[in-house]
Amino acid sequence: MFLSACGGQTHYGPVQTASGPSSDIQILAADTLPAPSARDRSVQFRPYRIGPFDRLAIDVFGVDELARKEYRTDAGGRVSFPLAGVIEAGGLTPAELENEIAQRLRGRYIRDPQVTVNLVETVSQVVTVDGQVRQPGLYPVVGRMTLMQAVATAKGLEEFAKQDEVVVFRTVDGQRMAAIYNLRAIRSATYEDPEIYANDIVVVGESTQRRLIRDAIGLTPALLSPLVILLTR
């Protein structure tokens, strides 16, 4: 059942299923996910790893044609470097990418290549869009982004996408939360297009996570308003 907010306070309650209350999810009396804190969005004490759309300065010492040039990784984290070909740079540290480029150049093109990789610009603010969209992947959050804009960035919906089953996963103050939205309702201005933040995961249609909260959806005759859930496991 839905628990309403009274006295300006937010209340949580367990989902009631046919077999009794579920301790895995709790419905939150709210019409949108709260914004993540600065701590949620920061990554501390971890080595930087190259990601999609990062801009890198790659220099091969002593080779003018390969000196002090900039390259940008694609949506999959790949980078194309002369003579070395396409490299899966996503997930590598700059030092690891230096070693990979050097190995590809060594002997065949350059006797002992000295490669330096420096980060020029990072697009660490990315959203994951998955499910029934034309081009799932990681996309940069530049400025303010809404749910409709995030879906459009992934080239839109597939032909038979379930527009009333769109889940946004977010971590807020260390707690994992989810909200279920209906894109048709947003298009008809039944409720506002919610804001999307970096590190959010947007899933359109069926998914493992979506099945986890199926019982909660079954409690409502229709998603006339967003359903916000706290995932306790």
Protein backbone atom coordinates (compact mmCIF):
# COMPACT_ATOMS: atom_id res chain seq x y z
CA MET A 1 0.00 0.00 0.00
CA PHE A 2 1.01 3.59 -0.42
CA LEU A 3 1.89 5.47 2.75
CA SER A 4 1.13 9.14 2.61
CA ALA A 5 3.30 11.89 4.01
CA CYS A 6 1.78 13.85 6.87
CA GLY A 7 3.00 16.76 8.90
CA GLY A 8 5.71 17.44 6.33
CA GLN A 9 7.46 14.15 7.14
CA THR A 10 8.26 11.28 4.80
CA HIS A 11 7.10 7.80 5.79
CA TYR A 12 8.22 4.42 4.56
CA GLY A 13 6.29 1.18 4.63
CA PRO A 14 6.91 -2.42 3.55
CA VAL A 15 5.26 -3.70 0.39
CA GLN A 16 2.39 -6.08 1.15
CA THR A 17 2.46 -9.12 -1.14
CA ALA A 18 0.32 -12.26 -1.30
CA SER A 19 2.78 -14.07 0.94
CA GLY A 20 3.04 -11.22 3.44
CA PRO A 21 5.13 -8.06 3.78
CA SER A 22 8.31 -7.85 1.74
CA SER A 23 11.44 -6.64 3.53
CA ASP A 24 13.31 -6.12 0.28
CA ILE A 25 11.53 -2.98 -0.92
CA GLN A 26 9.68 -0.14 0.74
CA ILE A 27 7.45 2.40 -0.97
CA LEU A 28 8.33 6.02 -0.33
CA ALA A 29 5.62 8.67 -0.22
CA ALA A 30 7.20 10.97 -2.79
CA ASP A 31 6.56 11.96 -6.37
CA THR A 32 10.19 11.88 -7.47
CA LEU A 33 13.57 10.53 -6.45
CA PRO A 34 15.59 12.85 -4.19
CA ALA A 35 18.74 14.32 -5.69
CA PRO A 36 22.00 12.50 -4.90
CA SER A 37 24.40 14.12 -2.48
CA ALA A 38 27.87 15.32 -3.43
CA ARG A 39 29.30 12.28 -1.68
CA ASP A 40 27.16 9.96 -3.79
CA ARG A 41 28.53 11.55 -6.96
CA SER A 42 32.19 11.56 -5.96
CA VAL A 43 34.70 8.75 -6.26
CA GLN A 44 37.50 9.00 -3.72
CA PHE A 45 40.78 7.18 -3.22
CA ARG A 46 40.51 5.22 -6.45
CA PRO A 47 42.90 5.33 -9.41
CA TYR A 48 41.37 7.15 -12.35
CA ARG A 49 40.20 4.86 -15.11
CA ILE A 50 39.51 6.05 -18.61
CA GLY A 51 35.85 6.23 -19.58
CA PRO A 52 33.58 7.16 -22.50
CA PHE A 53 34.10 10.56 -24.14
CA ASP A 54 37.32 11.29 -22.23
CA ARG A 55 39.81 13.52 -24.04
CA LEU A 56 43.40 12.29 -23.83
CA ALA A 57 46.75 13.79 -24.80
CA ILE A 58 48.95 10.99 -26.14
CA ASP A 59 52.60 11.61 -26.93
CA VAL A 60 55.22 9.25 -28.37
CA PHE A 61 58.58 10.78 -27.55
CA GLY A 62 60.79 11.49 -30.54
CA VAL A 63 58.11 10.79 -33.18
CA ASP A 64 56.81 14.08 -34.53
CA GLU A 65 53.80 12.50 -36.23
CA LEU A 66 52.67 11.03 -32.91
CA ALA A 67 53.67 13.85 -30.60
CA ARG A 68 51.33 15.92 -28.42
CA LYS A 69 48.07 15.01 -30.14
CA GLU A 70 44.66 14.76 -28.53
CA TYR A 71 42.17 11.93 -28.91
CA ARG A 72 38.68 11.36 -27.54
CA THR A 73 37.32 7.96 -26.58
CA ASP A 74 33.97 6.91 -28.03
CA ALA A 75 30.79 5.87 -26.18
CA GLY A 76 32.27 2.42 -25.57
CA GLY A 77 35.58 3.77 -24.22
CA ARG A 78 37.56 2.88 -27.36
CA VAL A 79 40.26 5.10 -28.82
CA SER A 80 41.86 4.90 -32.26
CA PHE A 81 45.59 5.62 -32.33
CA PRO A 82 47.77 5.74 -35.48
CA LEU A 83 49.68 2.50 -36.15
CA ALA A 84 48.27 0.96 -32.98
CA GLY A 85 44.70 0.69 -34.23
CA VAL A 86 41.56 0.69 -32.08
CA ILE A 87 42.26 0.13 -28.40
CA GLU A 88 39.76 -0.78 -25.67
CA ALA A 89 40.83 2.04 -23.36
CA GLY A 90 37.73 2.05 -21.18
CA GLY A 91 38.53 0.81 -17.69
CA LEU A 92 42.30 1.23 -18.10
CA THR A 93 44.39 3.69 -16.13
CA PRO A 94 46.47 6.15 -18.21
CA ALA A 95 49.59 4.13 -17.30
CA GLU A 96 47.97 0.91 -18.53
CA LEU A 97 47.03 2.61 -21.81
CA GLU A 98 50.63 3.81 -22.16
CA ASN A 99 51.82 0.22 -21.88
CA GLU A 100 49.23 -1.05 -24.36
CA ILE A 101 50.17 1.52 -27.00
CA ALA A 102 53.89 0.90 -26.46
CA GLN A 103 53.44 -2.86 -26.90
CA ARG A 104 51.61 -2.37 -30.19
CA LEU A 105 54.26 0.00 -31.53
CA ARG A 106 57.35 -1.77 -30.20
CA GLY A 107 59.59 -3.48 -32.73
CA ARG A 108 57.17 -3.30 -35.62
CA TYR A 109 57.19 0.48 -35.95
CA ILE A 110 59.41 1.92 -33.21
CA ARG A 111 62.32 0.18 -31.50
CA ASP A 112 61.63 1.40 -27.95
CA PRO A 113 58.55 3.67 -27.85
CA GLN A 114 58.20 6.04 -24.90
CA VAL A 115 54.50 6.76 -24.59
CA THR A 116 52.84 9.28 -22.31
CA VAL A 117 49.08 9.53 -21.75
CA ASN A 118 47.61 12.51 -19.92
CA LEU A 119 43.98 13.22 -19.15
CA VAL A 120 42.86 16.51 -20.74
CA GLU A 121 39.15 16.34 -20.09
CA THR A 122 36.95 13.74 -18.45
CA VAL A 123 33.25 13.26 -18.79
CA SER A 124 32.86 11.49 -15.46
CA GLN A 125 29.29 12.67 -15.23
CA VAL A 126 27.53 9.92 -17.16
CA VAL A 127 24.15 8.18 -17.06
CA THR A 128 23.54 4.56 -18.06
CA VAL A 129 20.57 4.03 -20.38
CA ASP A 130 19.64 0.38 -20.90
CA GLY A 131 16.76 -1.83 -21.95
CA GLN A 132 14.41 -1.22 -24.85
CA VAL A 133 16.19 1.76 -26.40
CA ARG A 134 17.81 1.85 -29.80
CA GLN A 135 21.35 2.44 -28.55
CA PRO A 136 21.99 1.41 -24.92
CA GLY A 137 25.15 2.80 -23.36
CA LEU A 138 26.80 5.42 -21.19
CA TYR A 139 26.02 9.04 -22.00
CA PRO A 140 27.42 12.29 -20.58
CA VAL A 141 25.20 14.43 -18.39
CA VAL A 142 25.95 17.95 -19.60
CA GLY A 143 23.99 20.59 -17.73
CA ARG A 144 20.45 19.63 -16.77
CA MET A 145 19.09 16.38 -18.20
CA THR A 146 15.59 14.95 -17.87
CA LEU A 147 14.36 11.39 -18.29
CA MET A 148 12.93 12.11 -21.75
CA GLN A 149 16.23 13.68 -22.81
CA ALA A 150 18.18 10.66 -21.53
CA VAL A 151 16.02 8.31 -23.60
CA ALA A 152 16.37 10.57 -26.63
CA THR A 153 20.16 10.55 -26.19
CA ALA A 154 20.04 6.76 -26.52
CA LYS A 155 18.40 7.26 -29.95
CA GLY A 156 14.89 6.80 -28.60
CA LEU A 157 12.72 3.79 -27.86
CA GLU A 158 12.55 0.52 -29.72
CA GLU A 159 9.35 -0.08 -31.67
CA PHE A 160 7.63 -2.17 -29.00
CA ALA A 161 9.23 -0.65 -25.90
CA LYS A 162 7.16 -0.68 -22.70
CA GLN A 163 6.81 3.03 -22.13
CA ASP A 164 4.94 2.57 -18.85
CA GLU A 165 7.76 0.52 -17.33
CA VAL A 166 10.75 2.86 -17.07
CA VAL A 167 12.83 2.49 -13.92
CA VAL A 168 15.44 4.96 -12.68
CA PHE A 169 17.92 3.62 -10.13
CA ARG A 170 19.83 6.05 -7.92
CA THR A 171 21.97 6.01 -4.78
CA VAL A 172 21.07 8.74 -2.29
CA ASP A 173 23.08 9.10 0.92
CA GLY A 174 24.34 5.56 0.45
CA GLN A 175 20.84 4.10 0.03
CA ARG A 176 19.78 2.46 -3.22
CA MET A 177 16.48 3.77 -4.51
CA ALA A 178 14.33 3.36 -7.60
CA ALA A 179 11.44 5.17 -9.23
CA ILE A 180 9.05 3.84 -11.86
CA TYR A 181 7.85 6.26 -14.53
CA ASN A 182 5.41 6.20 -17.41
CA LEU A 183 6.74 8.01 -20.48
CA ARG A 184 3.25 8.34 -21.94
CA ALA A 185 2.13 10.15 -18.80
CA ILE A 186 5.10 12.49 -19.04
CA ARG A 187 4.36 13.24 -22.70
CA SER A 188 0.74 14.04 -21.86
CA ALA A 189 1.89 16.34 -19.01
CA THR A 190 0.21 14.14 -16.38
CA TYR A 191 3.31 14.76 -14.31
CA GLU A 192 6.66 16.48 -14.83
CA ASP A 193 9.62 15.04 -16.68
CA PRO A 194 11.97 14.07 -13.79
CA GLU A 195 15.58 15.21 -13.66
CA ILE A 196 18.35 12.69 -14.26
CA TYR A 197 21.72 12.91 -12.50
CA ALA A 198 25.16 11.47 -13.13
CA ASN A 199 25.50 7.81 -12.09
CA ASP A 200 21.76 7.19 -12.52
CA ILE A 201 20.73 3.99 -14.30
CA VAL A 202 17.71 4.22 -16.59
CA VAL A 203 16.13 0.91 -17.64
CA VAL A 204 13.31 0.85 -20.18
CA GLY A 205 11.10 -2.24 -20.10
CA GLU A 206 11.80 -5.65 -18.58
CA SER A 207 14.92 -6.26 -16.48
CA THR A 208 16.10 -8.28 -13.49
CA GLN A 209 15.76 -5.21 -11.27
CA ARG A 210 12.32 -4.51 -12.71
CA ARG A 211 11.12 -8.00 -11.73
CA LEU A 212 12.32 -7.35 -8.18
CA ILE A 213 9.71 -4.62 -7.75
CA ARG A 214 6.92 -6.23 -9.75
CA ASP A 215 4.84 -6.76 -6.60
CA ALA A 216 4.95 -3.05 -5.85
CA ILE A 217 3.67 -2.18 -9.32
CA GLY A 218 0.86 -4.68 -8.93
CA LEU A 219 -0.51 -2.67 -6.05
CA THR A 220 -1.48 0.26 -8.24
CA PRO A 221 -4.20 0.17 -10.90
CA ALA A 222 -2.13 2.45 -13.13
CA LEU A 223 0.99 4.52 -12.87
CA LEU A 224 -0.77 7.85 -12.84
CA SER A 225 2.07 9.20 -10.72
CA PRO A 226 5.67 8.05 -10.20
CA LEU A 227 6.24 5.19 -7.79
CA VAL A 228 9.34 5.77 -5.63
CA ILE A 229 10.88 2.81 -3.82
CA LEU A 230 13.66 2.28 -1.31
CA LEU A 231 15.58 -0.92 -2.05
CA THR A 232 16.64 -2.38 1.27
CA ARG A 233 18.62 -5.27 -0.17
